[in-house]
Structures are given as C-alpha cells and as structure tokens.
Amino acid sequence: MKSHQVIKESCKKRGIKSIASEIGVSSSLMYKWSQPYDGSGSGSKNPLDRIVELINAIQDPIVIEWICEQSGGYFVRNPESRQEENYEVMPATNEIVAQFSALLGEISQAAQDNTIEKKESEKIRQVWNALKSFTEGFVLCCEEGDFKRIIEGEEKNQTG
C-alpha cells in the first residue's frame, strides 16, 4: 500500500476533517496527503513519505523504534532473505526454546525476593526484546524454509 493510501484508509473511520482539526492542519492539506504525489498533480508529499526519507537519511532504526514505542509497540526488523535448500528445523527450534527459557530464568531470578527492582526489570526487558526479535526472524525463516540463517545470525550476535 502506498503512503497516500494509508492516510486515506486510516482516516475513513473518524473522518479527514476531524483528524485535520485534531492535528492542527487544514482539511484540504489532509485531502492532498491522501492523494498520490507525483510532483505535478494535486497530491502533496505527506508526513509518511517524509518520515521514510528521514529514516533512510539517518540510516539508524532509532526513529522507527521511537515511533513504535509512542504507539505502544516494538519495532522488529525482518531479517534479510537468503533462502538455502539445506536447512535444519531442530537447531532453530531449540534456539527459540532456549531464548524463551532464558527469559523465564531472568524473571524467576528477579522475582525471588518478591520484588523486581528497576535494574532487574531493565534486564527482563532486554531479554524479552531479544526474544521478540529472534522470534520474528524465526517466523520469517519458517515462511521461507531457511532455518540455517537464523542460527548463523544468533551465532553472530553471541560473538559480536
């Protein structure tokens, strides 16, 4: 879906006028953002296009991560696709189970005294975020049938 289509679709429920008023822009600008931009037509370069330009210029996921946090979510980058014919399901499955076990271990260790300190919660968050990222990569590898790549990626993370 193109950025102008995302804006158009996302505004259908509440209405462009209502959203324009809430964010402090004119309805006509919102309508322009919801039309294709080609530099000569009635459309206008919209904030989504500008955010993509900013992300590409910065070349760091920090902007995406911040947007996801502001929206109550978490950014997980999809690993690059390098499907290979020879793959092994069990090592990848064992790795995801091991990471989940590590998360449970952190939680158990932190909760032993019936309180979880800030430093402990930060460590739990770190392990949880690593598990979410690994699991997203695992699911992509499942979809592509490339389990060797996920183990190679994990080995690189442990040594680097």
Protein backbone atom coordinates (compact mmCIF):
# COMPACT_ATOMS: atom_id res chain seq x y z
CA MET A 1 0.00 0.00 0.00
CA LYS A 2 1.31 3.45 -0.86
CA SER A 3 1.61 6.17 1.79
CA HIS A 4 -1.28 8.26 0.45
CA GLN A 5 -3.49 5.15 0.51
CA VAL A 6 -2.54 4.50 4.14
CA ILE A 7 -3.59 8.04 5.07
CA LYS A 8 -6.83 7.79 3.09
CA GLU A 9 -7.78 4.41 4.58
CA SER A 10 -6.81 5.32 8.13
CA CYS A 11 -8.93 8.49 8.06
CA LYS A 12 -12.14 6.75 6.95
CA LYS A 13 -13.31 5.79 10.42
CA ARG A 14 -13.02 9.21 12.11
CA GLY A 15 -13.10 11.42 9.04
CA ILE A 16 -10.48 13.66 7.49
CA LYS A 17 -11.99 16.87 8.89
CA SER A 18 -11.95 15.57 12.46
CA ILE A 19 -8.37 14.33 12.21
CA ALA A 20 -7.20 17.53 10.48
CA SER A 21 -8.68 19.57 13.30
CA GLU A 22 -7.07 17.38 15.95
CA ILE A 23 -3.56 17.65 14.47
CA GLY A 24 -3.87 21.33 13.56
CA VAL A 25 -3.82 21.24 9.77
CA SER A 26 -6.42 22.15 7.17
CA SER A 27 -8.79 19.58 5.72
CA SER A 28 -7.53 20.47 2.24
CA LEU A 29 -3.98 19.53 3.27
CA MET A 30 -5.23 16.20 4.64
CA TYR A 31 -7.04 15.58 1.35
CA LYS A 32 -3.83 16.40 -0.55
CA TRP A 33 -1.89 13.97 1.63
CA SER A 34 -4.42 11.26 0.77
CA GLN A 35 -3.84 11.66 -2.97
CA PRO A 36 -0.87 10.36 -4.98
CA TYR A 37 2.10 12.71 -5.09
CA ASP A 38 3.93 12.99 -8.39
CA GLY A 39 5.29 16.49 -8.09
CA SER A 40 2.83 18.00 -10.55
CA GLY A 41 -0.65 16.81 -9.57
CA SER A 42 -2.97 17.78 -6.75
CA GLY A 43 -1.30 15.49 -4.21
CA SER A 44 1.27 16.70 -1.71
CA LYS A 45 4.28 14.96 -0.17
CA ASN A 46 2.79 13.62 3.05
CA PRO A 47 4.31 13.08 6.51
CA LEU A 48 4.68 9.34 5.93
CA ASP A 49 6.86 9.96 2.86
CA ARG A 50 8.91 12.47 4.83
CA ILE A 51 9.38 10.03 7.72
CA VAL A 52 10.66 7.39 5.29
CA GLU A 53 13.09 9.95 3.85
CA LEU A 54 14.26 10.82 7.37
CA ILE A 55 14.73 7.15 8.30
CA ASN A 56 16.68 6.48 5.10
CA ALA A 57 18.86 9.57 5.63
CA ILE A 58 19.64 8.71 9.26
CA GLN A 59 20.29 5.03 8.48
CA ASP A 60 19.53 4.07 12.06
CA PRO A 61 16.34 2.37 13.32
CA ILE A 62 16.07 4.75 16.31
CA VAL A 63 13.32 6.83 14.65
CA ILE A 64 11.24 3.75 13.85
CA GLU A 65 11.81 2.38 17.34
CA TRP A 66 10.67 5.68 18.87
CA ILE A 67 7.51 5.79 16.71
CA CYS A 68 6.69 2.22 17.68
CA GLU A 69 7.20 3.00 21.38
CA GLN A 70 4.94 6.06 21.11
CA SER A 71 2.27 3.80 19.60
CA GLY A 72 2.62 1.18 22.33
CA GLY A 73 4.56 -1.24 20.17
CA TYR A 74 8.01 -2.54 19.40
CA PHE A 75 9.95 -2.48 16.13
CA VAL A 76 11.25 -5.80 14.87
CA ARG A 77 13.34 -5.69 11.70
CA ASN A 78 12.75 -8.53 9.26
CA PRO A 79 15.99 -10.40 8.57
CA GLU A 80 17.30 -10.41 5.02
CA SER A 81 16.15 -13.33 2.91
CA ARG A 82 18.85 -15.78 1.86
CA GLN A 83 16.90 -19.00 1.44
CA GLU A 84 19.08 -22.08 1.16
CA GLU A 85 17.96 -25.59 0.31
CA ASN A 86 19.78 -27.36 3.15
CA TYR A 87 18.23 -26.28 6.41
CA GLU A 88 17.62 -27.87 9.77
CA VAL A 89 14.45 -27.24 11.73
CA MET A 90 15.56 -28.63 15.10
CA PRO A 91 18.53 -26.32 15.80
CA ALA A 92 16.36 -23.28 15.08
CA THR A 93 13.53 -24.64 17.22
CA ASN A 94 15.94 -25.45 20.05
CA GLU A 95 17.34 -21.92 19.90
CA ILE A 96 13.92 -20.28 20.24
CA VAL A 97 13.10 -22.55 23.19
CA ALA A 98 16.47 -21.71 24.77
CA GLN A 99 15.82 -17.98 24.44
CA PHE A 100 12.38 -18.36 25.99
CA SER A 101 13.97 -20.34 28.80
CA ALA A 102 16.49 -17.52 29.32
CA LEU A 103 13.60 -15.07 29.66
CA LEU A 104 11.88 -17.26 32.24
CA GLY A 105 15.19 -17.61 34.09
CA GLU A 106 15.59 -13.82 34.28
CA ILE A 107 12.03 -13.43 35.55
CA SER A 108 12.46 -16.18 38.17
CA GLN A 109 15.76 -14.79 39.39
CA ALA A 110 14.38 -11.26 39.64
CA ALA A 111 11.24 -12.36 41.49
CA GLN A 112 12.98 -14.47 44.16
CA ASP A 113 12.68 -11.73 46.77
CA ASN A 114 9.05 -10.94 45.78
CA THR A 115 10.10 -7.60 44.28
CA ILE A 116 11.53 -6.66 40.93
CA GLU A 117 13.97 -3.75 41.00
CA LYS A 118 14.37 -1.28 38.14
CA LYS A 119 17.69 -2.83 37.06
CA GLU A 120 16.07 -6.29 37.04
CA SER A 121 13.11 -5.07 35.01
CA GLU A 122 15.50 -3.49 32.50
CA LYS A 123 17.31 -6.84 32.13
CA ILE A 124 13.98 -8.65 31.68
CA ARG A 125 13.00 -6.08 29.02
CA GLN A 126 16.33 -6.59 27.24
CA VAL A 127 15.94 -10.39 27.15
CA TRP A 128 12.26 -10.05 26.13
CA ASN A 129 13.12 -7.69 23.26
CA ALA A 130 15.84 -10.06 22.06
CA LEU A 131 13.35 -12.94 22.16
CA LYS A 132 10.77 -10.95 20.17
CA SER A 133 13.35 -10.08 17.52
CA PHE A 134 14.60 -13.65 17.33
CA THR A 135 11.05 -15.00 17.11
CA GLU A 136 10.19 -12.63 14.24
CA GLY A 137 13.26 -13.87 12.41
CA PHE A 138 12.26 -17.44 13.23
CA VAL A 139 8.77 -16.94 11.79
CA LEU A 140 10.21 -15.42 8.61
CA CYS A 141 12.60 -18.34 8.29
CA CYS A 142 9.65 -20.71 8.78
CA GLU A 143 7.82 -18.96 5.96
CA GLU A 144 10.88 -19.24 3.71
CA GLY A 145 12.14 -22.62 4.92
CA ASP A 146 15.58 -21.17 5.77
CA PHE A 147 16.43 -22.22 9.32
CA LYS A 148 20.20 -22.28 8.89
CA ARG A 149 20.25 -18.50 8.52
CA ILE A 150 18.59 -17.91 11.89
CA ILE A 151 21.21 -19.99 13.73
CA GLU A 152 24.02 -18.20 11.83
CA GLY A 153 22.52 -14.86 12.85
CA GLU A 154 22.33 -15.89 16.50
CA GLU A 155 25.94 -17.12 16.49
CA LYS A 156 26.99 -13.73 15.07
CA ASN A 157 25.06 -11.92 17.85
CA GLN A 158 26.75 -14.02 20.55
CA THR A 159 30.29 -13.46 19.24
CA GLY A 160 29.92 -9.86 18.07
